[in-house]
C-alpha atoms as a PDB file:
ATOM      1  CA  UNK A   1      60.718 -87.659  96.749  1.00  0.00           C
ATOM      2  CA  UNK A   2      58.083 -84.944  96.900  1.00  0.00           C
ATOM      3  CA  UNK A   3      60.509 -82.538  98.602  1.00  0.00           C
ATOM      4  CA  UNK A   4      63.054 -82.943  95.778  1.00  0.00           C
ATOM      5  CA  UNK A   5      60.404 -82.156  93.181  1.00  0.00           C
ATOM      6  CA  UNK A   6      59.215 -79.112  95.095  1.00  0.00           C
ATOM      7  CA  UNK A   7      62.759 -77.783  95.552  1.00  0.00           C
ATOM      8  CA  UNK A   8      63.598 -78.287  91.869  1.00  0.00           C
ATOM      9  CA  UNK A   9      60.427 -76.543  90.731  1.00  0.00           C
ATOM     10  CA  UNK A  10      60.750 -73.637  93.173  1.00  0.00           C
ATOM     11  CA  UNK A  11      64.515 -72.993  92.989  1.00  0.00           C
ATOM     12  CA  UNK A  12      66.351 -74.813  90.215  1.00  0.00           C
ATOM     13  CA  UNK A  13      64.091 -74.263  87.211  1.00  0.00           C
ATOM     14  CA  UNK A  14      63.594 -70.508  87.765  1.00  0.00           C
ATOM     15  CA  UNK A  15      67.313 -70.234  88.553  1.00  0.00           C
ATOM     16  CA  UNK A  16      68.168 -71.795  85.201  1.00  0.00           C
ATOM     17  CA  UNK A  17      65.778 -69.454  83.407  1.00  0.00           C
ATOM     18  CA  UNK A  18      67.233 -66.387  85.151  1.00  0.00           C
ATOM     19  CA  UNK A  19      70.745 -67.672  84.463  1.00  0.00           C
ATOM     20  CA  UNK A  20      70.034 -67.991  80.743  1.00  0.00           C
ATOM     21  CA  UNK A  21      68.592 -64.480  80.665  1.00  0.00           C
ATOM     22  CA  UNK A  22      71.608 -62.913  82.393  1.00  0.00           C
ATOM     23  CA  UNK A  23      74.039 -64.926  80.262  1.00  0.00           C
ATOM     24  CA  UNK A  24      72.375 -63.656  77.089  1.00  0.00           C
ATOM     25  CA  UNK A  25      72.335 -60.061  78.322  1.00  0.00           C
ATOM     26  CA  UNK A  26      75.989 -60.276  79.350  1.00  0.00           C
ATOM     27  CA  UNK A  27      77.096 -61.637  75.960  1.00  0.00           C
ATOM     28  CA  UNK A  28      75.224 -58.891  74.096  1.00  0.00           C
ATOM     29  CA  UNK A  29      77.171 -56.352  76.140  1.00  0.00           C
ATOM     30  CA  UNK A  30      80.500 -57.938  75.177  1.00  0.00           C
ATOM     31  CA  UNK A  31      81.225 -59.982  78.310  1.00  0.00           C
ATOM     32  CA  UNK A  32      81.660 -63.741  78.608  1.00  0.00           C
ATOM     33  CA  UNK A  33      79.358 -65.783  80.804  1.00  0.00           C
ATOM     34  CA  UNK A  34      76.910 -64.443  83.337  1.00  0.00           C
ATOM     35  CA  UNK A  35      74.796 -67.518  83.995  1.00  0.00           C
ATOM     36  CA  UNK A  36      75.724 -67.624  87.677  1.00  0.00           C
ATOM     37  CA  UNK A  37      74.522 -64.037  88.208  1.00  0.00           C
ATOM     38  CA  UNK A  38      70.979 -65.024  87.338  1.00  0.00           C
ATOM     39  CA  UNK A  39      71.071 -68.517  88.780  1.00  0.00           C
ATOM     40  CA  UNK A  40      72.191 -67.479  92.248  1.00  0.00           C
ATOM     41  CA  UNK A  41      70.835 -63.922  92.485  1.00  0.00           C
ATOM     42  CA  UNK A  42      67.673 -64.113  90.357  1.00  0.00           C
ATOM     43  CA  UNK A  43      66.069 -60.729  89.646  1.00  0.00           C
ATOM     44  CA  UNK A  44      68.942 -58.932  91.388  1.00  0.00           C
ATOM     45  CA  UNK A  45      71.381 -60.633  88.993  1.00  0.00           C
ATOM     46  CA  UNK A  46      69.353 -59.428  86.004  1.00  0.00           C
ATOM     47  CA  UNK A  47      69.403 -55.877  87.393  1.00  0.00           C
ATOM     48  CA  UNK A  48      73.170 -56.034  87.990  1.00  0.00           C
ATOM     49  CA  UNK A  49      73.849 -57.281  84.457  1.00  0.00           C
ATOM     50  CA  UNK A  50      71.454 -54.713  82.967  1.00  0.00           C
ATOM     51  CA  UNK A  51      73.361 -51.912  84.725  1.00  0.00           C
ATOM     52  CA  UNK A  52      76.766 -53.051  83.440  1.00  0.00           C
ATOM     53  CA  UNK A  53      78.281 -50.846  80.734  1.00  0.00           C
ATOM     54  CA  UNK A  54      78.997 -52.199  77.276  1.00  0.00           C
ATOM     55  CA  UNK A  55      82.472 -53.699  76.932  1.00  0.00           C
ATOM     56  CA  UNK A  56      83.839 -51.610  74.060  1.00  0.00           C
ATOM     57  CA  UNK A  57      87.223 -53.337  74.148  1.00  0.00           C
ATOM     58  CA  UNK A  58      85.742 -56.515  72.648  1.00  0.00           C
ATOM     59  CA  UNK A  59      83.879 -54.513  70.013  1.00  0.00           C
ATOM     60  CA  UNK A  60      87.026 -52.617  69.037  1.00  0.00           C
ATOM     61  CA  UNK A  61      89.049 -55.843  68.865  1.00  0.00           C
ATOM     62  CA  UNK A  62      86.457 -57.477  66.610  1.00  0.00           C
ATOM     63  CA  UNK A  63      86.482 -54.424  64.320  1.00  0.00           C
ATOM     64  CA  UNK A  64      90.272 -54.464  64.048  1.00  0.00           C
ATOM     65  CA  UNK A  65      90.331 -58.186  63.253  1.00  0.00           C
ATOM     66  CA  UNK A  66      87.654 -57.711  60.585  1.00  0.00           C
ATOM     67  CA  UNK A  67      89.580 -54.847  59.006  1.00  0.00           C
ATOM     68  CA  UNK A  68      92.787 -56.896  59.002  1.00  0.00           C
ATOM     69  CA  UNK A  69      91.003 -59.809  57.335  1.00  0.00           C
ATOM     70  CA  UNK A  70      89.495 -57.597  54.661  1.00  0.00           C
ATOM     71  CA  UNK A  71      92.891 -55.980  53.983  1.00  0.00           C
ATOM     72  CA  UNK A  72      94.498 -59.402  53.663  1.00  0.00           C
ATOM     73  CA  UNK A  73      91.698 -60.542  51.353  1.00  0.00           C
ATOM     74  CA  UNK A  74      92.191 -57.475  49.132  1.00  0.00           C
ATOM     75  CA  UNK A  75      95.942 -58.036  48.916  1.00  0.00           C
ATOM     76  CA  UNK A  76      95.386 -61.733  48.105  1.00  0.00           C
ATOM     77  CA  UNK A  77      92.952 -60.757  45.353  1.00  0.00           C
ATOM     78  CA  UNK A  78      95.528 -58.461  43.750  1.00  0.00           C
ATOM     79  CA  UNK A  79      98.215 -61.142  44.170  1.00  0.00           C
ATOM     80  CA  UNK A  80      96.038 -63.525  42.162  1.00  0.00           C
ATOM     81  CA  UNK A  81      95.638 -60.884  39.478  1.00  0.00           C
ATOM     82  CA  UNK A  82      99.424 -60.443  39.419  1.00  0.00           C
ATOM     83  CA  UNK A  83     100.002 -64.199  39.204  1.00  0.00           C
ATOM     84  CA  UNK A  84      97.525 -64.514  36.338  1.00  0.00           C
ATOM     85  CA  UNK A  85      99.234 -61.657  34.474  1.00  0.00           C
ATOM     86  CA  UNK A  86      96.233 -59.320  34.587  1.00  0.00           C
ATOM     87  CA  UNK A  87      98.248 -56.576  36.351  1.00  0.00           C
ATOM     88  CA  UNK A  88     101.934 -55.684  36.492  1.00  0.00           C
ATOM     89  CA  UNK A  89     104.265 -55.889  39.478  1.00  0.00           C
ATOM     90  CA  UNK A  90     104.206 -52.093  39.789  1.00  0.00           C
ATOM     91  CA  UNK A  91     100.394 -51.990  39.848  1.00  0.00           C
ATOM     92  CA  UNK A  92     100.349 -54.744  42.486  1.00  0.00           C
ATOM     93  CA  UNK A  93     102.861 -52.924  44.707  1.00  0.00           C
ATOM     94  CA  UNK A  94     100.950 -49.630  44.334  1.00  0.00           C
ATOM     95  CA  UNK A  95      97.655 -51.290  45.324  1.00  0.00           C
ATOM     96  CA  UNK A  96      99.293 -53.075  48.245  1.00  0.00           C
ATOM     97  CA  UNK A  97     100.701 -49.800  49.562  1.00  0.00           C
ATOM     98  CA  UNK A  98      97.318 -48.138  49.095  1.00  0.00           C
ATOM     99  CA  UNK A  99      95.520 -50.908  51.024  1.00  0.00           C
ATOM    100  CA  UNK A 100      98.089 -50.888  53.841  1.00  0.00           C
ATOM    101  CA  UNK A 101      98.044 -47.090  53.983  1.00  0.00           C
ATOM    102  CA  UNK A 102     101.772 -46.728  53.336  1.00  0.00           C
END
């Protein structure tokens, strides 16, 4: 029983701490996961994750999705104004083209 406690204190607990650190660092850089880097490699895993470049593809994809949502929200807002009679069909179409960049 004492051996199990010693092994868990020496290897498992620090491994979990290192794993959480590398997972957090990896996610901030735009990658998924990373727990195993720290759990199995310890300090070396932290160094490896710290040296990884930022994943710009995820950042660009998030920006595009946000822009698409905001464009859709703007068009929906003008559609509500059209439905309530606050603007004409021509004004709605002009705003829609402006928002979509047509």
